[in-house]
């Protein structure tokens, strides 16, 4: 149970980081 919660938390954090990197990447590309 605890392992599953940690897995879900890591997946959620990974998705958040991916979205953040995509947004910042678009922002950098827009500035250039």
PDB file of N, CA and C in Angstrom:
ATOM      1  N   UNK A   1       0.849  -1.199   0.000  1.00  0.00           N
ATOM      2  CA  UNK A   1       0.000   0.000   0.000  1.00  0.00           C
ATOM      3  C   UNK A   1       0.882   1.246   0.000  1.00  0.00           C
ATOM      4  N   UNK A   2       1.864   1.269   0.885  1.00  0.00           N
ATOM      5  CA  UNK A   2       2.746   2.435   0.978  1.00  0.00           C
ATOM      6  C   UNK A   2       3.549   2.575  -0.310  1.00  0.00           C
ATOM      7  N   UNK A   3       3.992   1.425  -0.833  1.00  0.00           N
ATOM      8  CA  UNK A   3       4.774   1.448  -2.072  1.00  0.00           C
ATOM      9  C   UNK A   3       3.938   2.018  -3.206  1.00  0.00           C
ATOM     10  N   UNK A   4       2.657   1.664  -3.245  1.00  0.00           N
ATOM     11  CA  UNK A   4       1.775   2.173  -4.308  1.00  0.00           C
ATOM     12  C   UNK A   4       1.619   3.684  -4.202  1.00  0.00           C
ATOM     13  N   UNK A   5       1.456   4.187  -2.981  1.00  0.00           N
ATOM     14  CA  UNK A   5       1.303   5.635  -2.786  1.00  0.00           C
ATOM     15  C   UNK A   5       2.561   6.367  -3.222  1.00  0.00           C
ATOM     16  N   UNK A   6       3.723   5.804  -2.904  1.00  0.00           N
ATOM     17  CA  UNK A   6       4.988   6.434  -3.311  1.00  0.00           C
ATOM     18  C   UNK A   6       5.093   6.436  -4.829  1.00  0.00           C
ATOM     19  N   UNK A   7       4.681   5.328  -5.454  1.00  0.00           N
ATOM     20  CA  UNK A   7       4.744   5.225  -6.910  1.00  0.00           C
ATOM     21  C   UNK A   7       3.855   6.274  -7.559  1.00  0.00           C
ATOM     22  N   UNK A   8       2.634   6.433  -7.037  1.00  0.00           N
ATOM     23  CA  UNK A   8       1.711   7.428  -7.586  1.00  0.00           C
ATOM     24  C   UNK A   8       2.272   8.827  -7.393  1.00  0.00           C
ATOM     25  N   UNK A   9       2.879   9.078  -6.236  1.00  0.00           N
ATOM     26  CA  UNK A   9       3.446  10.397  -5.960  1.00  0.00           C
ATOM     27  C   UNK A   9       4.581  10.702  -6.929  1.00  0.00           C
ATOM     28  N   UNK A  10       5.425   9.701  -7.200  1.00  0.00           N
ATOM     29  CA  UNK A  10       6.557   9.908  -8.116  1.00  0.00           C
ATOM     30  C   UNK A  10       6.043  10.142  -9.529  1.00  0.00           C
ATOM     31  N   UNK A  11       5.012   9.384  -9.948  1.00  0.00           N
ATOM     32  CA  UNK A  11       4.467   9.561 -11.288  1.00  0.00           C
ATOM     33  C   UNK A  11       3.885  10.959 -11.429  1.00  0.00           C
ATOM     34  N   UNK A  12       3.159  11.408 -10.399  1.00  0.00           N
ATOM     35  CA  UNK A  12       2.547  12.738 -10.434  1.00  0.00           C
ATOM     36  C   UNK A  12       3.629  13.806 -10.501  1.00  0.00           C
ATOM     37  N   UNK A  13       4.705  13.620  -9.739  1.00  0.00           N
ATOM     38  CA  UNK A  13       5.807  14.585  -9.720  1.00  0.00           C
ATOM     39  C   UNK A  13       6.507  14.598 -11.080  1.00  0.00           C
ATOM     40  N   UNK A  14       6.652  13.411 -11.679  1.00  0.00           N
ATOM     41  CA  UNK A  14       7.299  13.310 -12.993  1.00  0.00           C
ATOM     42  C   UNK A  14       6.471  14.028 -14.054  1.00  0.00           C
ATOM     43  N   UNK A  15       5.154  13.844 -13.994  1.00  0.00           N
ATOM     44  CA  UNK A  15       4.275  14.508 -14.974  1.00  0.00           C
ATOM     45  C   UNK A  15       4.368  16.020 -14.793  1.00  0.00           C
ATOM     46  N   UNK A  16       4.394  16.469 -13.548  1.00  0.00           N
ATOM     47  CA  UNK A  16       4.486  17.906 -13.270  1.00  0.00           C
ATOM     48  C   UNK A  16       5.796  18.471 -13.809  1.00  0.00           C
ATOM     49  N   UNK A  17       6.890  17.740 -13.619  1.00  0.00           N
ATOM     50  CA  UNK A  17       8.196  18.193 -14.118  1.00  0.00           C
ATOM     51  C   UNK A  17       8.209  18.218 -15.640  1.00  0.00           C
ATOM     52  N   UNK A  18       7.574  17.211 -16.250  1.00  0.00           N
ATOM     53  CA  UNK A  18       7.535  17.158 -17.719  1.00  0.00           C
ATOM     54  C   UNK A  18       6.753  18.339 -18.273  1.00  0.00           C
ATOM     55  N   UNK A  19       5.590  18.610 -17.687  1.00  0.00           N
ATOM     56  CA  UNK A  19       4.769  19.739 -18.144  1.00  0.00           C
ATOM     57  C   UNK A  19       5.527  21.044 -17.944  1.00  0.00           C
ATOM     58  N   UNK A  20       6.207  21.170 -16.797  1.00  0.00           N
ATOM     59  CA  UNK A  20       6.966  22.389 -16.505  1.00  0.00           C
ATOM     60  C   UNK A  20       8.090  22.587 -17.521  1.00  0.00           C
ATOM     61  N   UNK A  21       8.790  21.501 -17.847  1.00  0.00           N
ATOM     62  CA  UNK A  21       9.896  21.609 -18.810  1.00  0.00           C
ATOM     63  C   UNK A  21       9.370  21.957 -20.195  1.00  0.00           C
ATOM     64  N   UNK A  22       8.195  21.408 -20.551  1.00  0.00           N
ATOM     65  CA  UNK A  22       7.609  21.720 -21.863  1.00  0.00           C
ATOM     66  C   UNK A  22       7.213  23.198 -21.907  1.00  0.00           C
ATOM     67  N   UNK A  23       6.598  23.680 -20.835  1.00  0.00           N
ATOM     68  CA  UNK A  23       6.175  25.087 -20.792  1.00  0.00           C
ATOM     69  C   UNK A  23       7.385  26.011 -20.847  1.00  0.00           C
ATOM     70  N   UNK A  24       8.415  25.710 -20.078  1.00  0.00           N
ATOM     71  CA  UNK A  24       9.608  26.561 -20.082  1.00  0.00           C
ATOM     72  C   UNK A  24      10.309  26.463 -21.427  1.00  0.00           C
ATOM     73  N   UNK A  25      10.283  25.292 -22.042  1.00  0.00           N
ATOM     74  CA  UNK A  25      10.897  25.118 -23.359  1.00  0.00           C
ATOM     75  C   UNK A  25      10.174  25.970 -24.390  1.00  0.00           C
ATOM     76  N   UNK A  26       8.841  25.983 -24.331  1.00  0.00           N
ATOM     77  CA  UNK A  26       8.073  26.806 -25.263  1.00  0.00           C
ATOM     78  C   UNK A  26       8.356  28.279 -25.003  1.00  0.00           C
ATOM     79  N   UNK A  27       8.491  28.646 -23.734  1.00  0.00           N
ATOM     80  CA  UNK A  27       8.770  30.040 -23.387  1.00  0.00           C
ATOM     81  C   UNK A  27      10.127  30.463 -23.927  1.00  0.00           C
ATOM     82  N   UNK A  28      11.128  29.594 -23.784  1.00  0.00           N
ATOM     83  CA  UNK A  28      12.471  29.916 -24.282  1.00  0.00           C
ATOM     84  C   UNK A  28      12.445  30.007 -25.809  1.00  0.00           C
ATOM     85  N   UNK A  29      11.737  29.079 -26.447  1.00  0.00           N
ATOM     86  CA  UNK A  29      11.656  29.097 -27.904  1.00  0.00           C
ATOM     87  C   UNK A  29      10.915  30.348 -28.372  1.00  0.00           C
ATOM     88  N   UNK A  30       9.933  30.783 -27.602  1.00  0.00           N
ATOM     89  CA  UNK A  30       9.178  31.986 -27.960  1.00  0.00           C
ATOM     90  C   UNK A  30      10.052  33.228 -27.846  1.00  0.00           C
ATOM     91  N   UNK A  31      10.938  33.256 -26.830  1.00  0.00           N
ATOM     92  CA  UNK A  31      11.818  34.408 -26.659  1.00  0.00           C
ATOM     93  C   UNK A  31      12.853  34.465 -27.780  1.00  0.00           C
ATOM     94  N   UNK A  32      13.311  33.292 -28.219  1.00  0.00           N
ATOM     95  CA  UNK A  32      14.290  33.262 -29.309  1.00  0.00           C
ATOM     96  C   UNK A  32      13.553  33.467 -30.619  1.00  0.00           C
TER      97      UNK A  32
END
